[in-house]
């Protein structure tokens, strides 16, 4: 099976495709000084941009793993999340972690599909 890698960073490719599956690596917000809702919106917009580079959009996302440093802000994240996805909500898990570095409150990993 062919593996296609796109959008290289110093430590990974942002997007890796295998068959119909499209994996988007961990993404944090550009501005980590803002709150959870704004970081969530920024991350989701970035992920959609990465998917756009390979011909997909947010509706192709079928799964997400979300890492947050403070679960007490989960409602703020949920509001931004549901506003972004509307009725096309992917499956997801939200995991509390001690630290994401650089002031990041949230990091999101997604899987999309071409099928």
N, C-alpha and C. Protein backbone atom coordinates (compact mmCIF):
# COMPACT_ATOMS: atom_id res chain seq x y z
N UNK A 1 0.85 -1.17 0.00
CA UNK A 1 0.00 0.00 0.00
C UNK A 1 0.89 1.24 0.00
N UNK A 2 0.52 2.21 -0.76
CA UNK A 2 1.28 3.45 -0.88
C UNK A 2 1.03 4.37 0.31
N UNK A 3 2.10 4.96 0.82
CA UNK A 3 2.02 5.96 1.88
C UNK A 3 2.43 7.30 1.27
N UNK A 4 1.57 8.31 1.41
CA UNK A 4 1.86 9.64 0.90
C UNK A 4 1.98 10.59 2.08
N UNK A 5 3.08 11.34 2.12
CA UNK A 5 3.35 12.27 3.22
C UNK A 5 3.35 13.70 2.69
N UNK A 6 2.67 14.60 3.43
CA UNK A 6 2.55 15.99 3.00
C UNK A 6 2.83 16.92 4.17
N UNK A 7 3.22 18.15 3.84
CA UNK A 7 3.42 19.24 4.78
C UNK A 7 4.46 18.86 5.84
N UNK A 8 5.69 18.80 5.42
CA UNK A 8 6.77 18.41 6.32
C UNK A 8 7.09 19.52 7.32
N UNK A 9 7.32 19.12 8.57
CA UNK A 9 7.83 20.01 9.61
C UNK A 9 9.20 19.44 10.01
N UNK A 10 9.91 20.10 10.91
CA UNK A 10 11.20 19.53 11.33
C UNK A 10 11.10 18.15 12.00
N UNK A 11 9.91 17.81 12.57
CA UNK A 11 9.81 16.55 13.31
C UNK A 11 8.80 15.55 12.75
N UNK A 12 8.00 15.94 11.76
CA UNK A 12 6.96 15.03 11.24
C UNK A 12 6.40 15.59 9.94
N UNK A 13 5.53 14.82 9.32
CA UNK A 13 4.68 15.31 8.25
C UNK A 13 3.32 15.58 8.88
N UNK A 14 2.73 16.71 8.58
CA UNK A 14 1.43 17.06 9.14
C UNK A 14 0.35 16.09 8.70
N UNK A 15 0.44 15.64 7.45
CA UNK A 15 -0.58 14.77 6.87
C UNK A 15 0.09 13.53 6.29
N UNK A 16 -0.42 12.36 6.66
CA UNK A 16 0.06 11.10 6.11
C UNK A 16 -1.17 10.31 5.64
N UNK A 17 -1.12 9.88 4.38
CA UNK A 17 -2.23 9.13 3.79
C UNK A 17 -1.82 7.69 3.55
N UNK A 18 -2.70 6.77 3.95
CA UNK A 18 -2.52 5.34 3.69
C UNK A 18 -3.88 4.81 3.24
N UNK A 19 -3.97 4.37 2.02
CA UNK A 19 -5.27 3.95 1.50
C UNK A 19 -6.24 5.11 1.59
N UNK A 20 -7.46 4.86 2.05
CA UNK A 20 -8.44 5.94 2.15
C UNK A 20 -8.29 6.79 3.42
N UNK A 21 -7.39 6.37 4.33
CA UNK A 21 -7.25 7.08 5.60
C UNK A 21 -6.24 8.22 5.49
N UNK A 22 -6.58 9.34 6.12
CA UNK A 22 -5.74 10.54 6.11
C UNK A 22 -5.54 10.95 7.57
N UNK A 23 -4.31 10.87 8.04
CA UNK A 23 -3.98 11.18 9.42
C UNK A 23 -3.37 12.57 9.50
N UNK A 24 -3.88 13.38 10.42
CA UNK A 24 -3.32 14.71 10.66
C UNK A 24 -2.70 14.69 12.04
N UNK A 25 -1.40 14.97 12.10
CA UNK A 25 -0.66 14.92 13.35
C UNK A 25 -1.11 15.97 14.35
N UNK A 26 -0.60 15.86 15.57
CA UNK A 26 -0.95 16.76 16.64
C UNK A 26 -0.80 18.22 16.25
N UNK A 27 -1.86 18.99 16.48
CA UNK A 27 -1.91 20.39 16.08
C UNK A 27 -2.26 21.24 17.29
N UNK A 28 -1.48 22.29 17.51
CA UNK A 28 -1.78 23.26 18.57
C UNK A 28 -2.06 24.62 17.94
N UNK A 29 -2.57 25.54 18.74
CA UNK A 29 -2.92 26.87 18.26
C UNK A 29 -1.68 27.71 17.97
N UNK A 30 -1.82 28.65 17.04
CA UNK A 30 -0.74 29.58 16.74
C UNK A 30 -0.50 30.53 17.90
N UNK A 31 -1.58 30.98 18.54
CA UNK A 31 -1.48 31.90 19.67
C UNK A 31 -1.94 31.17 20.92
N UNK A 32 -1.00 30.75 21.74
CA UNK A 32 -1.34 29.98 22.94
C UNK A 32 -1.63 30.89 24.14
N UNK A 33 -1.70 32.20 23.92
CA UNK A 33 -2.04 33.13 25.01
C UNK A 33 -3.54 33.30 25.16
N UNK A 34 -4.31 32.83 24.16
CA UNK A 34 -5.76 32.98 24.20
C UNK A 34 -6.39 31.79 24.93
N UNK A 35 -7.68 31.88 25.20
CA UNK A 35 -8.37 30.84 25.95
C UNK A 35 -8.64 29.57 25.15
N UNK A 36 -9.25 28.62 25.84
CA UNK A 36 -9.51 27.30 25.26
C UNK A 36 -10.39 27.36 24.01
N UNK A 37 -11.45 28.17 24.03
CA UNK A 37 -12.33 28.28 22.87
C UNK A 37 -11.60 28.81 21.65
N UNK A 38 -10.83 29.88 21.83
CA UNK A 38 -10.08 30.46 20.71
C UNK A 38 -9.00 29.51 20.21
N UNK A 39 -8.32 28.82 21.12
CA UNK A 39 -7.31 27.85 20.69
C UNK A 39 -7.97 26.73 19.90
N UNK A 40 -9.12 26.27 20.36
CA UNK A 40 -9.83 25.20 19.65
C UNK A 40 -10.22 25.64 18.25
N UNK A 41 -10.79 26.83 18.11
CA UNK A 41 -11.19 27.34 16.80
C UNK A 41 -9.98 27.45 15.87
N UNK A 42 -8.87 27.97 16.38
CA UNK A 42 -7.67 28.11 15.56
C UNK A 42 -7.16 26.75 15.10
N UNK A 43 -7.12 25.79 16.00
CA UNK A 43 -6.64 24.44 15.65
C UNK A 43 -7.52 23.81 14.58
N UNK A 44 -8.82 23.89 14.75
CA UNK A 44 -9.72 23.27 13.78
C UNK A 44 -9.62 23.92 12.41
N UNK A 45 -9.43 25.23 12.38
CA UNK A 45 -9.22 25.92 11.11
C UNK A 45 -7.91 25.47 10.46
N UNK A 46 -6.86 25.32 11.27
CA UNK A 46 -5.58 24.84 10.74
C UNK A 46 -5.72 23.42 10.18
N UNK A 47 -6.40 22.55 10.91
CA UNK A 47 -6.57 21.18 10.44
C UNK A 47 -7.34 21.15 9.13
N UNK A 48 -8.38 21.96 9.04
CA UNK A 48 -9.14 22.00 7.78
C UNK A 48 -8.25 22.51 6.64
N UNK A 49 -7.36 23.46 6.93
CA UNK A 49 -6.42 23.92 5.92
C UNK A 49 -5.46 22.83 5.47
N UNK A 50 -4.97 22.04 6.42
CA UNK A 50 -4.09 20.91 6.07
C UNK A 50 -4.84 19.92 5.18
N UNK A 51 -6.07 19.61 5.56
CA UNK A 51 -6.87 18.69 4.75
C UNK A 51 -7.16 19.27 3.37
N UNK A 52 -7.37 20.59 3.31
CA UNK A 52 -7.61 21.25 2.03
C UNK A 52 -6.44 21.07 1.07
N UNK A 53 -5.24 21.00 1.60
CA UNK A 53 -4.07 20.81 0.75
C UNK A 53 -4.04 19.43 0.09
N UNK A 54 -4.82 18.49 0.62
CA UNK A 54 -4.90 17.16 0.01
C UNK A 54 -6.31 16.89 -0.54
N UNK A 55 -7.10 17.96 -0.71
CA UNK A 55 -8.38 17.86 -1.38
C UNK A 55 -9.55 17.43 -0.51
N UNK A 56 -9.46 17.61 0.81
CA UNK A 56 -10.54 17.24 1.73
C UNK A 56 -10.98 18.44 2.55
N UNK A 57 -12.07 18.28 3.29
CA UNK A 57 -12.51 19.34 4.21
C UNK A 57 -12.93 18.71 5.53
N UNK A 58 -13.49 19.51 6.41
CA UNK A 58 -13.83 19.06 7.77
C UNK A 58 -14.79 17.87 7.79
N UNK A 59 -15.64 17.75 6.78
CA UNK A 59 -16.60 16.64 6.75
C UNK A 59 -15.93 15.29 6.58
N UNK A 60 -14.69 15.28 6.17
CA UNK A 60 -13.95 14.01 6.00
C UNK A 60 -13.38 13.49 7.32
N UNK A 61 -13.37 14.33 8.36
CA UNK A 61 -12.82 13.91 9.66
C UNK A 61 -13.78 12.94 10.32
N UNK A 62 -13.26 11.75 10.67
CA UNK A 62 -14.11 10.73 11.28
C UNK A 62 -13.73 10.43 12.73
N UNK A 63 -12.54 10.86 13.15
CA UNK A 63 -12.08 10.55 14.50
C UNK A 63 -11.12 11.62 14.97
N UNK A 64 -11.15 11.91 16.29
CA UNK A 64 -10.22 12.87 16.87
C UNK A 64 -9.83 12.42 18.27
N UNK A 65 -8.59 12.68 18.60
CA UNK A 65 -8.12 12.54 19.98
C UNK A 65 -7.69 13.93 20.41
N UNK A 66 -8.22 14.38 21.53
CA UNK A 66 -7.98 15.74 22.01
C UNK A 66 -7.27 15.66 23.36
N UNK A 67 -6.18 16.38 23.47
CA UNK A 67 -5.43 16.45 24.72
C UNK A 67 -5.60 17.85 25.28
N UNK A 68 -6.05 17.95 26.54
CA UNK A 68 -6.25 19.25 27.17
C UNK A 68 -5.54 19.29 28.53
N UNK A 69 -5.04 20.48 28.87
CA UNK A 69 -4.31 20.62 30.13
C UNK A 69 -5.21 20.93 31.31
N UNK A 70 -6.46 21.32 31.04
CA UNK A 70 -7.37 21.66 32.14
C UNK A 70 -8.79 21.28 31.73
N UNK A 71 -9.25 20.15 32.24
CA UNK A 71 -10.58 19.66 31.87
C UNK A 71 -11.71 20.56 32.35
N UNK A 72 -11.43 21.50 33.25
CA UNK A 72 -12.48 22.41 33.69
C UNK A 72 -12.89 23.38 32.58
N UNK A 73 -12.09 23.46 31.50
CA UNK A 73 -12.42 24.32 30.35
C UNK A 73 -13.04 23.52 29.20
N UNK A 74 -13.41 22.28 29.46
CA UNK A 74 -13.92 21.40 28.41
C UNK A 74 -15.21 21.95 27.77
N UNK A 75 -16.08 22.56 28.56
CA UNK A 75 -17.32 23.11 27.98
C UNK A 75 -17.03 24.18 26.94
N UNK A 76 -16.01 24.99 27.18
CA UNK A 76 -15.60 26.03 26.22
C UNK A 76 -15.10 25.38 24.93
N UNK A 77 -14.32 24.32 25.09
CA UNK A 77 -13.82 23.58 23.93
C UNK A 77 -14.98 22.92 23.19
N UNK A 78 -15.90 22.31 23.93
CA UNK A 78 -17.04 21.64 23.32
C UNK A 78 -17.88 22.60 22.48
N UNK A 79 -18.08 23.82 22.97
CA UNK A 79 -18.87 24.81 22.24
C UNK A 79 -18.22 25.16 20.91
N UNK A 80 -16.92 25.39 20.93
CA UNK A 80 -16.20 25.70 19.68
C UNK A 80 -16.22 24.50 18.74
N UNK A 81 -16.07 23.31 19.31
CA UNK A 81 -16.04 22.05 18.54
C UNK A 81 -17.36 21.83 17.81
N UNK A 82 -18.47 21.91 18.54
CA UNK A 82 -19.77 21.65 17.91
C UNK A 82 -20.15 22.74 16.91
N UNK A 83 -19.77 23.99 17.18
CA UNK A 83 -20.03 25.06 16.22
C UNK A 83 -19.26 24.81 14.92
N UNK A 84 -18.05 24.31 15.01
CA UNK A 84 -17.23 24.06 13.83
C UNK A 84 -17.78 22.89 13.01
N UNK A 85 -18.14 21.79 13.66
CA UNK A 85 -18.54 20.59 12.93
C UNK A 85 -20.03 20.51 12.60
N UNK A 86 -20.86 21.23 13.33
CA UNK A 86 -22.30 21.13 13.07
C UNK A 86 -22.77 19.70 13.25
N UNK A 87 -23.50 19.18 12.26
CA UNK A 87 -24.03 17.82 12.34
C UNK A 87 -23.02 16.77 11.91
N UNK A 88 -21.86 17.16 11.41
CA UNK A 88 -20.85 16.21 10.92
C UNK A 88 -19.80 15.93 12.01
N UNK A 89 -20.26 15.69 13.23
CA UNK A 89 -19.34 15.46 14.36
C UNK A 89 -18.60 14.13 14.21
N UNK A 90 -17.27 14.16 14.34
CA UNK A 90 -16.52 12.90 14.33
C UNK A 90 -16.58 12.22 15.70
N UNK A 91 -16.18 10.96 15.77
CA UNK A 91 -16.00 10.35 17.08
C UNK A 91 -14.81 11.03 17.73
N UNK A 92 -14.72 10.97 19.06
CA UNK A 92 -13.59 11.62 19.70
C UNK A 92 -13.39 11.12 21.12
N UNK A 93 -12.19 11.36 21.61
CA UNK A 93 -11.85 11.13 23.01
C UNK A 93 -11.11 12.37 23.49
N UNK A 94 -11.38 12.80 24.71
CA UNK A 94 -10.70 13.94 25.30
C UNK A 94 -9.91 13.43 26.50
N UNK A 95 -8.62 13.71 26.51
CA UNK A 95 -7.71 13.20 27.53
C UNK A 95 -7.06 14.37 28.26
N UNK A 96 -7.09 14.34 29.57
CA UNK A 96 -6.41 15.36 30.37
C UNK A 96 -4.92 15.02 30.47
N UNK A 97 -4.08 16.03 30.26
CA UNK A 97 -2.63 15.86 30.36
C UNK A 97 -2.05 16.97 31.23
N UNK A 98 -0.86 16.74 31.75
CA UNK A 98 -0.24 17.71 32.65
C UNK A 98 0.24 18.96 31.92
N UNK A 99 0.85 18.79 30.74
CA UNK A 99 1.46 19.93 30.06
C UNK A 99 1.64 19.61 28.59
N UNK A 100 1.35 20.59 27.73
CA UNK A 100 1.57 20.44 26.29
C UNK A 100 2.72 21.33 25.81
N UNK A 101 3.27 22.12 26.70
CA UNK A 101 4.38 23.00 26.36
C UNK A 101 3.94 24.30 25.71
N UNK A 102 4.71 25.34 25.93
CA UNK A 102 4.50 26.62 25.27
C UNK A 102 3.18 27.29 25.55
N UNK A 103 2.51 26.94 26.62
CA UNK A 103 1.24 27.57 26.95
C UNK A 103 0.03 26.97 26.24
N UNK A 104 0.25 25.94 25.44
CA UNK A 104 -0.87 25.31 24.74
C UNK A 104 -1.82 24.68 25.74
N UNK A 105 -3.11 24.93 25.56
CA UNK A 105 -4.14 24.35 26.40
C UNK A 105 -4.74 23.09 25.79
N UNK A 106 -4.55 22.93 24.47
CA UNK A 106 -5.21 21.86 23.73
C UNK A 106 -4.35 21.45 22.53
N UNK A 107 -4.33 20.17 22.25
CA UNK A 107 -3.70 19.62 21.04
C UNK A 107 -4.67 18.61 20.46
N UNK A 108 -4.83 18.62 19.14
CA UNK A 108 -5.81 17.76 18.49
C UNK A 108 -5.12 16.91 17.41
N UNK A 109 -5.43 15.61 17.42
CA UNK A 109 -4.98 14.66 16.40
C UNK A 109 -6.22 14.13 15.71
N UNK A 110 -6.25 14.10 14.38
CA UNK A 110 -7.44 13.65 13.68
C UNK A 110 -7.13 12.60 12.62
N UNK A 111 -8.17 11.86 12.30
CA UNK A 111 -8.14 10.92 11.19
C UNK A 111 -9.32 11.26 10.29
N UNK A 112 -9.04 11.36 9.00
CA UNK A 112 -10.09 11.63 8.02
C UNK A 112 -10.09 10.47 7.03
N UNK A 113 -11.08 10.48 6.16
CA UNK A 113 -11.16 9.42 5.15
C UNK A 113 -11.58 9.98 3.80
N UNK A 114 -11.09 9.34 2.77
CA UNK A 114 -11.49 9.67 1.40
C UNK A 114 -12.70 8.84 0.98
N UNK A 115 -13.11 7.91 1.83
CA UNK A 115 -14.16 6.97 1.44
C UNK A 115 -15.48 7.32 1.87
